[in-house]
């Protein structure tokens, strides 16, 4: 059995853990909204048509903020369509996903759903096919208390109090040629700066996110960030990152090391932002909103799901409904470790997405809702990761990958809540065949004991939860975890994600 050693010191901090790191994402895409969170005829539907079983699962997931309404969808979206009497709302073609949007669920309904699940709204603005004036109109509608045309219109639509949205995305993936209104970095940087300046004239305390690259593998990556921030650095608080991972050409070893790519992505964007600050002589620090991340089998969408045809615009089609395995959950959990390892600069993140669409929660029309394998690393990390993220020293054997070269078999991060007297260690074993014995020096935490252990692993790493067997995969314990003589020891199964709570 291979061995790994980890040193933990609560004095060696990465930074405080912001609750917005545990954010989600709801887009008008496929069955996410319709037949997902909203199904009026379902036995679990509440008076507003929202599924109570889904609400409970979202609450269990522990999502702090939810980005809305897109995604690619937002670049063709007219926000005015989503407010007012439902019977008067227009149906529109959604060019992003080749579907029909009914607007039955709009801004007011979604805000009501957020109150049920206990999350805050993060709004994305359409800077693809619209611009600064429409952004200001939406800001007035959502955040001004009253006395203006649009704030009074909101009150007339049944909401006297403002929505008070604090965090705003200035468009979506504007570097992507697939995006409606795709622009060069120079052109986008100018409109993002202009829109941000205008919004701050209404409220200088808004949190604004400028579009970074939609992938670290875009041909414009790095230069896009530099040019956009050259224009908008003084006007925004965040730059976004988006990343999705899947095994390609059967390369499981590289897939299990996907977090290496996320680490590099984050560090390159941080370095680029800090370079722009240095050039400008600015002491301001731009943080990262990693507001789209997940395991996503994009090749399946390209080859199977894509909808085409000028007369084929279905309502809520089954799109991007990936079924996640144990291996996917291990990679997913490792991505969460990566986010925590950069908690000093990644202070907001949004799992894309929440229900049915590349989601931790699945539903069947008229039937059950269930947890996918990826549900568990998110819900457990959201609950256990409190206080401060700690920088660990990890000594572990390595293995060879085609994409990333030599990679440690173990990845890990720890968190420490001094006030509560609680800590947590999150670990991944990337080996497909070997158990790993890990020893963590926890002596600097004082006298601690194992409070709880949760692990995702299985003899079949391709096992998944499905409609036919909704509880095939669930977190397991690990009886090997113990603390003695200032050391936590634990044996990690192959292809596993583990969370250990210490008190």
Protein backbone atom coordinates (compact mmCIF):
# COMPACT_ATOMS: atom_id res chain seq x y z
CA UNK A 1 0.00 0.00 0.00
CA UNK A 2 1.32 3.47 -0.93
CA UNK A 3 1.58 6.16 1.73
CA UNK A 4 1.09 9.92 1.80
CA UNK A 5 1.87 12.46 4.51
CA UNK A 6 0.12 15.78 5.04
CA UNK A 7 1.02 18.60 7.41
CA UNK A 8 -1.76 20.84 8.72
CA UNK A 9 -1.12 24.12 10.53
CA UNK A 10 -4.02 26.48 11.37
CA UNK A 11 -1.58 29.40 11.27
CA UNK A 12 -0.89 28.80 7.56
CA UNK A 13 -4.11 30.11 6.07
CA UNK A 14 -5.19 30.53 2.47
CA UNK A 15 -8.00 32.88 3.42
CA UNK A 16 -11.51 33.08 4.86
CA UNK A 17 -14.17 30.90 3.24
CA UNK A 18 -16.94 33.03 1.75
CA UNK A 19 -20.37 31.39 1.71
CA UNK A 20 -20.83 32.58 -1.89
CA UNK A 21 -18.26 29.94 -2.82
CA UNK A 22 -21.14 27.47 -2.46
CA UNK A 23 -23.35 29.01 -5.12
CA UNK A 24 -25.54 27.44 -7.78
CA UNK A 25 -26.92 28.28 -11.19
CA UNK A 26 -30.41 28.10 -12.67
CA UNK A 27 -30.76 28.68 -16.41
CA UNK A 28 -33.83 28.55 -18.62
CA UNK A 29 -32.45 25.47 -20.38
CA UNK A 30 -34.02 22.09 -21.00
CA UNK A 31 -36.03 20.79 -18.03
CA UNK A 32 -34.28 22.89 -15.43
CA UNK A 33 -37.13 25.30 -14.75
CA UNK A 34 -40.13 23.59 -16.36
CA UNK A 35 -40.53 19.98 -15.11
CA UNK A 36 -37.55 20.68 -12.83
CA UNK A 37 -38.08 23.23 -10.08
CA UNK A 38 -41.58 24.04 -11.42
CA UNK A 39 -44.29 21.48 -12.19
CA UNK A 40 -47.78 22.69 -11.22
CA UNK A 41 -49.52 19.35 -11.77
CA UNK A 42 -47.10 17.33 -9.65
CA UNK A 43 -48.33 15.80 -6.36
CA UNK A 44 -45.48 17.65 -4.58
CA UNK A 45 -46.31 21.04 -6.15
CA UNK A 46 -47.01 23.90 -3.76
CA UNK A 47 -49.55 26.67 -4.33
CA UNK A 48 -47.14 28.46 -6.71
CA UNK A 49 -46.42 25.30 -8.74
CA UNK A 50 -42.93 24.66 -7.35
CA UNK A 51 -41.99 21.12 -6.35
CA UNK A 52 -41.59 20.84 -2.59
CA UNK A 53 -39.36 17.76 -2.90
CA UNK A 54 -36.94 19.74 -5.07
CA UNK A 55 -37.03 22.68 -2.65
CA UNK A 56 -36.01 20.37 0.20
CA UNK A 57 -33.14 18.90 -1.82
CA UNK A 58 -31.85 22.35 -2.80
CA UNK A 59 -31.96 23.38 0.86
CA UNK A 60 -30.05 20.22 1.79
CA UNK A 61 -27.47 21.02 -0.88
CA UNK A 62 -26.63 24.24 0.97
CA UNK A 63 -26.57 26.72 -1.91
CA UNK A 64 -25.86 30.30 -0.80
CA UNK A 65 -26.42 32.22 -4.05
CA UNK A 66 -27.99 31.25 -7.36
CA UNK A 67 -27.02 32.79 -10.70
CA UNK A 68 -29.99 33.44 -13.02
CA UNK A 69 -31.36 33.30 -15.80
CA UNK A 70 -28.29 32.19 -17.80
CA UNK A 71 -25.90 31.19 -19.22
CA UNK A 72 -26.14 31.39 -22.98
CA UNK A 73 -29.88 31.97 -22.60
CA UNK A 74 -29.34 35.47 -21.19
CA UNK A 75 -27.75 36.85 -24.37
CA UNK A 76 -31.11 36.74 -26.17
CA UNK A 77 -33.28 37.46 -23.13
CA UNK A 78 -35.60 40.45 -22.77
CA UNK A 79 -36.18 40.83 -19.06
CA UNK A 80 -39.48 42.65 -19.62
CA UNK A 81 -40.92 39.37 -20.99
CA UNK A 82 -40.57 37.77 -17.55
CA UNK A 83 -42.63 40.21 -15.48
CA UNK A 84 -46.28 41.27 -15.37
CA UNK A 85 -49.42 39.13 -15.73
CA UNK A 86 -48.54 35.65 -16.95
CA UNK A 87 -51.32 35.64 -19.53
CA UNK A 88 -49.73 38.66 -21.20
CA UNK A 89 -46.16 37.36 -21.30
CA UNK A 90 -44.91 36.55 -24.80
CA UNK A 91 -43.47 33.27 -25.98
CA UNK A 92 -40.03 33.69 -27.50
CA UNK A 93 -37.57 31.63 -29.49
CA UNK A 94 -34.52 30.80 -27.37
CA UNK A 95 -31.72 30.71 -29.92
CA UNK A 96 -29.12 29.51 -27.41
CA UNK A 97 -30.78 26.13 -26.87
CA UNK A 98 -33.14 26.05 -29.90
CA UNK A 99 -36.24 25.93 -27.70
CA UNK A 100 -39.39 27.93 -26.94
CA UNK A 101 -39.42 30.00 -23.74
CA UNK A 102 -42.93 30.49 -22.35
CA UNK A 103 -41.90 32.98 -19.61
CA UNK A 104 -44.38 31.29 -17.28
CA UNK A 105 -41.66 31.43 -14.61
CA UNK A 106 -40.09 34.86 -14.51
CA UNK A 107 -38.29 37.23 -12.21
CA UNK A 108 -40.98 37.45 -9.51
CA UNK A 109 -41.67 33.73 -9.45
CA UNK A 110 -37.99 32.88 -9.29
CA UNK A 111 -37.43 35.36 -6.45
CA UNK A 112 -40.24 33.66 -4.55
CA UNK A 113 -38.62 30.25 -5.12
CA UNK A 114 -35.31 31.60 -3.80
CA UNK A 115 -37.02 32.58 -0.56
CA UNK A 116 -38.27 29.01 -0.24
CA UNK A 117 -34.81 27.49 -0.72
CA UNK A 118 -33.00 30.14 1.35
CA UNK A 119 -30.67 31.45 -1.36
CA UNK A 120 -29.84 34.90 -2.74
CA UNK A 121 -30.21 35.99 -6.35
CA UNK A 122 -27.24 36.74 -8.61
CA UNK A 123 -28.53 38.31 -11.83
CA UNK A 124 -26.90 38.02 -15.24
CA UNK A 125 -27.40 40.92 -17.65
CA UNK A 126 -27.85 40.66 -21.41
CA UNK A 127 -24.86 42.46 -22.92
CA UNK A 128 -25.02 40.30 -26.02
CA UNK A 129 -28.03 41.68 -27.87
CA UNK A 130 -28.83 44.54 -25.50
CA UNK A 131 -26.81 47.14 -23.64
CA UNK A 132 -26.35 49.73 -20.91
CA UNK A 133 -29.83 51.25 -21.01
CA UNK A 134 -31.60 47.90 -20.62
CA UNK A 135 -29.26 47.02 -17.74
CA UNK A 136 -30.17 50.27 -15.99
CA UNK A 137 -33.86 49.56 -16.55
CA UNK A 138 -33.58 46.15 -14.91
CA UNK A 139 -31.59 47.63 -12.02
CA UNK A 140 -34.28 50.26 -11.47
CA UNK A 141 -37.02 47.61 -11.62
CA UNK A 142 -35.32 45.29 -9.12
CA UNK A 143 -33.59 47.60 -6.64
CA UNK A 144 -35.26 51.02 -6.43
CA UNK A 145 -37.79 51.25 -3.59
CA UNK A 146 -40.38 53.29 -5.49
CA UNK A 147 -41.33 56.58 -7.04
CA UNK A 148 -40.07 55.85 -10.56
CA UNK A 149 -41.80 54.35 -13.58
CA UNK A 150 -40.10 50.97 -13.37
CA UNK A 151 -40.05 50.62 -9.58
CA UNK A 152 -43.75 51.49 -9.50
CA UNK A 153 -44.33 48.93 -12.27
CA UNK A 154 -42.70 46.29 -10.04
CA UNK A 155 -45.08 47.25 -7.21
CA UNK A 156 -48.02 47.02 -9.60
CA UNK A 157 -46.83 43.51 -10.46
CA UNK A 158 -47.18 42.52 -6.80
CA UNK A 159 -43.81 43.29 -5.24
CA UNK A 160 -43.77 46.53 -3.24
CA UNK A 161 -40.36 45.86 -1.67
CA UNK A 162 -37.31 45.86 -3.97
CA UNK A 163 -35.52 42.59 -4.76
CA UNK A 164 -32.25 44.24 -3.68
CA UNK A 165 -30.01 42.15 -5.94
CA UNK A 166 -26.41 42.78 -4.89
CA UNK A 167 -24.37 40.74 -7.37
CA UNK A 168 -24.60 41.24 -11.17
CA UNK A 169 -22.88 39.50 -14.07
CA UNK A 170 -22.05 41.83 -16.97
CA UNK A 171 -23.06 39.42 -19.72
CA UNK A 172 -22.11 35.79 -20.23
CA UNK A 173 -19.19 34.14 -22.04
CA UNK A 174 -18.70 37.06 -24.38
CA UNK A 175 -15.42 35.51 -25.58
CA UNK A 176 -17.32 32.60 -27.18
CA UNK A 177 -18.22 32.65 -30.91
CA UNK A 178 -21.37 30.66 -30.00
CA UNK A 179 -22.64 33.57 -27.87
CA UNK A 180 -25.28 35.91 -29.29
CA UNK A 181 -23.57 39.30 -29.54
CA UNK A 182 -20.07 37.81 -29.26
CA UNK A 183 -17.50 40.61 -29.22
CA UNK A 184 -13.75 41.06 -29.21
CA UNK A 185 -12.10 41.62 -25.85
CA UNK A 186 -11.61 45.28 -26.73
CA UNK A 187 -15.25 45.87 -27.66
CA UNK A 188 -16.61 43.88 -24.73
CA UNK A 189 -14.29 45.59 -22.24
CA UNK A 190 -15.61 48.97 -23.36
CA UNK A 191 -19.32 48.10 -23.00
CA UNK A 192 -18.72 46.29 -19.70
CA UNK A 193 -16.91 49.34 -18.32
CA UNK A 194 -19.61 51.68 -19.59
CA UNK A 195 -22.41 49.56 -18.10
CA UNK A 196 -20.63 49.14 -14.77
CA UNK A 197 -20.02 52.88 -14.46
CA UNK A 198 -23.68 53.60 -15.18
CA UNK A 199 -24.90 51.02 -12.66
CA UNK A 200 -22.64 52.47 -9.97
CA UNK A 201 -24.27 55.85 -10.52
CA UNK A 202 -27.43 54.17 -9.22
CA UNK A 203 -25.73 52.17 -6.46
CA UNK A 204 -21.96 52.32 -5.90
CA UNK A 205 -22.04 49.28 -3.60
CA UNK A 206 -23.12 46.69 -6.18
CA UNK A 207 -20.87 43.67 -6.72
CA UNK A 208 -20.11 43.47 -10.46
CA UNK A 209 -18.64 40.53 -12.38
CA UNK A 210 -16.95 41.05 -15.75
CA UNK A 211 -16.74 38.14 -18.21
CA UNK A 212 -13.47 36.27 -18.25
CA UNK A 213 -12.72 33.32 -20.49
CA UNK A 214 -15.29 30.56 -20.89
CA UNK A 215 -12.43 28.04 -20.79
CA UNK A 216 -8.72 28.01 -20.10
CA UNK A 217 -8.38 26.39 -23.52
CA UNK A 218 -9.90 29.23 -25.53
CA UNK A 219 -7.41 30.64 -28.07
CA UNK A 220 -7.86 34.11 -26.53
CA UNK A 221 -7.34 32.97 -22.92
CA UNK A 222 -5.08 35.27 -20.94
CA UNK A 223 -5.08 38.03 -23.50
CA UNK A 224 -8.87 38.28 -23.14
CA UNK A 225 -8.54 38.85 -19.39
CA UNK A 226 -5.76 41.40 -19.85
CA UNK A 227 -7.63 43.49 -22.43
CA UNK A 228 -11.01 43.36 -20.67
CA UNK A 229 -9.49 44.36 -17.34
CA UNK A 230 -7.50 47.12 -19.03
CA UNK A 231 -10.89 48.72 -19.73
CA UNK A 232 -12.94 47.67 -16.70
CA UNK A 233 -10.50 47.17 -13.81
CA UNK A 234 -11.64 50.21 -11.84
CA UNK A 235 -15.33 49.46 -12.44
CA UNK A 236 -15.75 45.83 -11.37
CA UNK A 237 -15.10 43.56 -8.39
CA UNK A 238 -14.78 40.14 -10.04
CA UNK A 239 -13.73 38.47 -13.24
CA UNK A 240 -15.45 35.19 -14.09
CA UNK A 241 -14.02 31.76 -14.87
CA UNK A 242 -15.93 28.88 -16.47
CA UNK A 243 -14.69 25.28 -16.69
CA UNK A 244 -16.21 21.89 -17.46
CA UNK A 245 -14.49 18.51 -17.42
CA UNK A 246 -15.06 15.09 -18.97
CA UNK A 247 -12.87 12.12 -19.87
CA UNK A 248 -11.70 12.38 -23.48
CA UNK A 249 -10.55 9.46 -25.63
CA UNK A 250 -10.93 7.15 -22.64
CA UNK A 251 -8.19 8.99 -20.71
CA UNK A 252 -9.42 8.31 -17.18
CA UNK A 253 -6.08 9.13 -15.54
CA UNK A 254 -6.17 12.69 -16.87
CA UNK A 255 -9.87 13.04 -16.03
CA UNK A 256 -9.17 12.13 -12.41
CA UNK A 257 -6.58 14.94 -12.37
CA UNK A 258 -8.97 17.60 -13.74
CA UNK A 259 -8.45 19.79 -10.68
CA UNK A 260 -4.85 20.35 -11.82
CA UNK A 261 -6.29 22.22 -14.79
CA UNK A 262 -8.63 24.22 -12.54
CA UNK A 263 -5.71 25.14 -10.28
CA UNK A 264 -3.73 26.42 -13.25
CA UNK A 265 -6.72 28.30 -14.65
CA UNK A 266 -7.29 30.15 -11.38
CA UNK A 267 -3.64 30.98 -10.85
CA UNK A 268 -3.20 32.30 -14.41
CA UNK A 269 -6.25 34.58 -14.10
CA UNK A 270 -5.05 35.85 -10.70
CA UNK A 271 -1.61 36.59 -12.14
CA UNK A 272 -3.12 38.38 -15.13
CA UNK A 273 -5.40 40.51 -12.95
CA UNK A 274 -2.51 41.39 -10.66
CA UNK A 275 -0.39 42.28 -13.69
CA UNK A 276 -3.06 44.73 -14.85
CA UNK A 277 -3.17 46.20 -11.34
CA UNK A 278 0.60 46.65 -11.37
CA UNK A 279 0.55 48.34 -14.78
CA UNK A 280 -2.18 50.69 -13.57
CA UNK A 281 -0.46 51.30 -10.23
CA UNK A 282 -3.63 50.15 -8.50
CA UNK A 283 -3.85 48.71 -4.98
CA UNK A 284 -7.31 47.32 -5.72
CA UNK A 285 -7.59 43.53 -5.95
CA UNK A 286 -9.88 41.79 -8.43
CA UNK A 287 -11.24 38.45 -7.21
CA UNK A 288 -12.64 35.52 -9.17
CA UNK A 289 -16.24 34.48 -9.56
CA UNK A 290 -16.00 30.89 -10.80
CA UNK A 291 -19.62 31.10 -11.81
CA UNK A 292 -19.81 28.00 -14.02
CA UNK A 293 -18.07 24.73 -13.12
CA UNK A 294 -18.93 21.06 -13.22
CA UNK A 295 -18.35 17.72 -14.85
CA UNK A 296 -20.17 17.93 -18.19
CA UNK A 297 -20.10 15.39 -21.00
CA UNK A 298 -20.21 18.02 -23.73
CA UNK A 299 -19.44 15.46 -26.41
CA UNK A 300 -22.82 13.83 -25.70
CA UNK A 301 -24.59 17.14 -26.34
CA UNK A 302 -22.73 17.68 -29.60
CA UNK A 303 -23.48 14.17 -30.85
CA UNK A 304 -26.92 13.37 -29.39
CA UNK A 305 -28.90 16.19 -27.76
CA UNK A 306 -28.54 19.07 -30.21
CA UNK A 307 -31.87 20.37 -31.53
CA UNK A 308 -32.09 21.68 -35.08
CA UNK A 309 -34.71 22.73 -37.64
CA UNK A 310 -36.48 26.03 -38.35
CA UNK A 311 -39.85 24.53 -37.33
CA UNK A 312 -38.58 22.60 -34.31
CA UNK A 313 -38.62 24.72 -31.14
CA UNK A 314 -39.77 22.43 -28.29
CA UNK A 315 -40.72 23.59 -24.79
CA UNK A 316 -38.49 22.24 -22.02
CA UNK A 317 -36.84 19.43 -24.01
CA UNK A 318 -34.60 16.88 -22.33
CA UNK A 319 -31.19 18.49 -22.75
CA UNK A 320 -27.83 17.93 -21.04
CA UNK A 321 -29.25 15.36 -18.61
CA UNK A 322 -25.95 13.74 -17.72
CA UNK A 323 -26.08 10.74 -15.39
CA UNK A 324 -23.16 10.99 -12.97
CA UNK A 325 -21.05 8.09 -11.74
CA UNK A 326 -18.97 7.59 -8.61
CA UNK A 327 -15.89 8.57 -10.63
CA UNK A 328 -17.61 11.78 -11.74
CA UNK A 329 -18.41 12.57 -8.09
CA UNK A 330 -14.76 12.05 -7.09
CA UNK A 331 -13.59 14.48 -9.79
CA UNK A 332 -16.38 16.87 -8.79
CA UNK A 333 -15.27 16.74 -5.15
CA UNK A 334 -11.69 17.39 -6.23
CA UNK A 335 -12.86 20.53 -8.08
CA UNK A 336 -14.38 21.73 -4.80
CA UNK A 337 -11.01 21.12 -3.14
CA UNK A 338 -9.42 23.29 -5.82
CA UNK A 339 -11.87 26.13 -5.15
CA UNK A 340 -11.14 25.97 -1.41
CA UNK A 341 -7.38 25.92 -2.06
CA UNK A 342 -7.83 29.33 -3.71
CA UNK A 343 -10.34 30.78 -1.25
CA UNK A 344 -8.28 33.95 -0.92
CA UNK A 345 -9.15 34.94 -4.50
CA UNK A 346 -12.09 32.72 -5.48
CA UNK A 347 -14.73 34.25 -3.24
CA UNK A 348 -17.76 33.38 -5.36
CA UNK A 349 -18.60 30.27 -7.40
CA UNK A 350 -21.69 28.80 -9.04
CA UNK A 351 -22.18 25.10 -9.69
CA UNK A 352 -23.71 24.78 -13.14
CA UNK A 353 -26.42 23.69 -12.81
CA UNK A 354 -28.88 22.54 -10.10
CA UNK A 355 -31.79 20.46 -11.47
CA UNK A 356 -31.92 18.03 -14.43
CA UNK A 357 -29.39 19.96 -16.56
CA UNK A 358 -25.86 18.66 -15.73
CA UNK A 359 -27.24 18.67 -12.22
CA UNK A 360 -26.85 17.12 -8.76
CA UNK A 361 -30.66 16.82 -8.54
CA UNK A 362 -32.85 14.94 -11.04
CA UNK A 363 -36.61 14.79 -11.42
CA UNK A 364 -39.12 12.80 -13.41
CA UNK A 365 -42.39 14.47 -14.50
CA UNK A 366 -45.07 13.24 -12.13
CA UNK A 367 -42.44 11.09 -10.41
CA UNK A 368 -39.62 11.29 -7.91
CA UNK A 369 -36.74 13.67 -7.35
CA UNK A 370 -33.38 12.17 -6.41
CA UNK A 371 -29.76 12.95 -5.60
CA UNK A 372 -27.09 12.26 -8.19
CA UNK A 373 -23.63 11.18 -7.01
CA UNK A 374 -22.32 14.75 -7.32
CA UNK A 375 -24.91 15.94 -4.81
CA UNK A 376 -22.96 14.50 -1.91
CA UNK A 377 -19.54 16.20 -2.22
CA UNK A 378 -21.29 19.55 -2.62
CA UNK A 379 -23.71 19.20 0.29
CA UNK A 380 -21.06 17.82 2.64
CA UNK A 381 -18.42 20.40 1.72
CA UNK A 382 -20.94 23.22 2.01
CA UNK A 383 -21.82 22.03 5.53
CA UNK A 384 -18.33 21.18 6.81
CA UNK A 385 -16.08 23.81 5.20
CA UNK A 386 -16.31 26.72 7.61
CA UNK A 387 -13.99 29.42 8.87
CA UNK A 388 -10.64 29.52 7.06
CA UNK A 389 -9.13 27.41 4.29
CA UNK A 390 -5.67 26.10 5.22
CA UNK A 391 -2.64 25.61 3.03
CA UNK A 392 -1.41 22.03 3.44
CA UNK A 393 1.95 20.43 2.73
CA UNK A 394 1.18 17.20 0.83
CA UNK A 395 3.85 14.54 0.24
CA UNK A 396 2.37 11.82 -1.95
CA UNK A 397 3.44 9.41 -4.71
CA UNK A 398 2.69 10.55 -8.24
CA UNK A 399 1.32 8.95 -11.40
CA UNK A 400 1.68 9.82 -15.07
CA UNK A 401 -1.08 11.49 -17.07
CA UNK A 402 -1.15 12.22 -20.78
CA UNK A 403 -2.54 15.72 -20.27
CA UNK A 404 -0.92 17.00 -17.07
CA UNK A 405 2.29 15.01 -16.71
CA UNK A 406 3.19 13.73 -13.23
CA UNK A 407 0.34 14.33 -10.77
CA UNK A 408 0.08 13.52 -7.03
CA UNK A 409 -2.19 10.57 -6.27
CA UNK A 410 -3.59 12.51 -3.31
CA UNK A 411 -5.09 15.99 -3.35
CA UNK A 412 -6.31 17.64 -0.18
CA UNK A 413 -7.41 20.79 1.58
CA UNK A 414 -8.39 21.56 5.17
CA UNK A 415 -10.62 24.13 6.84
CA UNK A 416 -10.55 25.45 10.40
CA UNK A 417 -13.25 27.24 12.37
CA UNK A 418 -11.42 28.49 15.48
CA UNK A 419 -14.57 29.90 17.08
CA UNK A 420 -16.48 26.63 16.83
CA UNK A 421 -13.44 24.49 17.59
CA UNK A 422 -14.04 22.41 14.48
CA UNK A 423 -11.91 21.49 11.47
CA UNK A 424 -12.38 19.42 8.33
CA UNK A 425 -10.03 17.63 5.96
CA UNK A 426 -11.07 16.85 2.39
CA UNK A 427 -9.10 14.21 0.48
CA UNK A 428 -9.08 12.55 -2.95
CA UNK A 429 -7.36 9.33 -4.00
CA UNK A 430 -6.86 9.49 -7.78
CA UNK A 431 -5.47 5.97 -8.12
CA UNK A 432 -7.70 3.58 -10.05
CA UNK A 433 -6.26 0.49 -8.36
CA UNK A 434 -4.45 1.28 -5.08
CA UNK A 435 -5.56 2.06 -1.58
CA UNK A 436 -3.54 4.88 -0.03
CA UNK A 437 -2.65 5.21 3.64
CA UNK A 438 -2.64 8.90 4.57
CA UNK A 439 -1.20 10.39 7.74
CA UNK A 440 -2.18 13.97 8.57
CA UNK A 441 -0.21 15.82 11.24
CA UNK A 442 -3.00 17.55 13.20
CA UNK A 443 -0.96 18.17 16.35
CA UNK A 444 -1.14 21.95 15.88
CA UNK A 445 -4.93 21.76 16.25
CA UNK A 446 -4.51 20.60 19.85
CA UNK A 447 -6.48 17.71 21.29
CA UNK A 448 -8.89 16.70 18.51
CA UNK A 449 -10.98 13.65 17.70
CA UNK A 450 -12.76 12.36 14.61
CA UNK A 451 -16.33 13.64 14.67
CA UNK A 452 -17.61 12.27 11.35
CA UNK A 453 -16.35 10.67 8.13
CA UNK A 454 -18.09 10.60 4.76
CA UNK A 455 -16.66 8.96 1.65
CA UNK A 456 -17.70 8.41 -1.95
CA UNK A 457 -16.30 5.21 -3.48
CA UNK A 458 -17.58 1.94 -4.89
CA UNK A 459 -16.31 -1.36 -6.27
CA UNK A 460 -17.86 -0.15 -9.52
CA UNK A 461 -16.62 3.41 -10.15
CA UNK A 462 -19.24 3.74 -12.88
CA UNK A 463 -22.14 3.13 -10.49
CA UNK A 464 -24.81 5.86 -10.58
CA UNK A 465 -28.19 6.85 -9.18
CA UNK A 466 -30.95 6.55 -11.79
CA UNK A 467 -34.74 6.63 -12.01
CA UNK A 468 -34.72 2.84 -11.71
CA UNK A 469 -32.43 2.86 -8.66
CA UNK A 470 -32.36 6.31 -7.08
CA UNK A 471 -30.28 5.28 -4.04
CA UNK A 472 -27.65 3.02 -5.60
CA UNK A 473 -24.84 5.38 -4.47
CA UNK A 474 -24.64 7.19 -1.13
CA UNK A 475 -21.85 8.39 1.18
CA UNK A 476 -20.18 5.70 3.24
CA UNK A 477 -18.23 5.74 6.47
CA UNK A 478 -14.57 4.81 6.81
CA UNK A 479 -13.66 2.96 9.99
CA UNK A 480 -9.93 3.37 9.36
CA UNK A 481 -10.05 7.07 10.35
CA UNK A 482 -8.52 7.66 13.78
CA UNK A 483 -6.52 10.27 15.67
CA UNK A 484 -3.67 9.24 17.95
CA UNK A 485 -0.48 11.00 19.01
CA UNK A 486 -1.37 14.17 17.11
CA UNK A 487 -1.86 12.33 13.81
CA UNK A 488 -4.98 11.53 11.80
CA UNK A 489 -4.57 8.29 9.88
CA UNK A 490 -6.98 7.04 7.24
CA UNK A 491 -6.89 4.53 4.39
CA UNK A 492 -8.39 5.93 1.18
CA UNK A 493 -10.01 3.47 -1.26
CA UNK A 494 -9.15 3.77 -4.96
CA UNK A 495 -11.06 6.48 -6.85
CA UNK A 496 -12.49 8.04 -3.72
CA UNK A 497 -13.43 11.40 -2.19
CA UNK A 498 -13.45 11.70 1.60
CA UNK A 499 -14.43 14.35 4.14
CA UNK A 500 -13.28 14.03 7.77
CA UNK A 501 -14.80 16.29 10.42
CA UNK A 502 -12.67 16.94 13.52
CA UNK A 503 -13.62 18.47 16.87
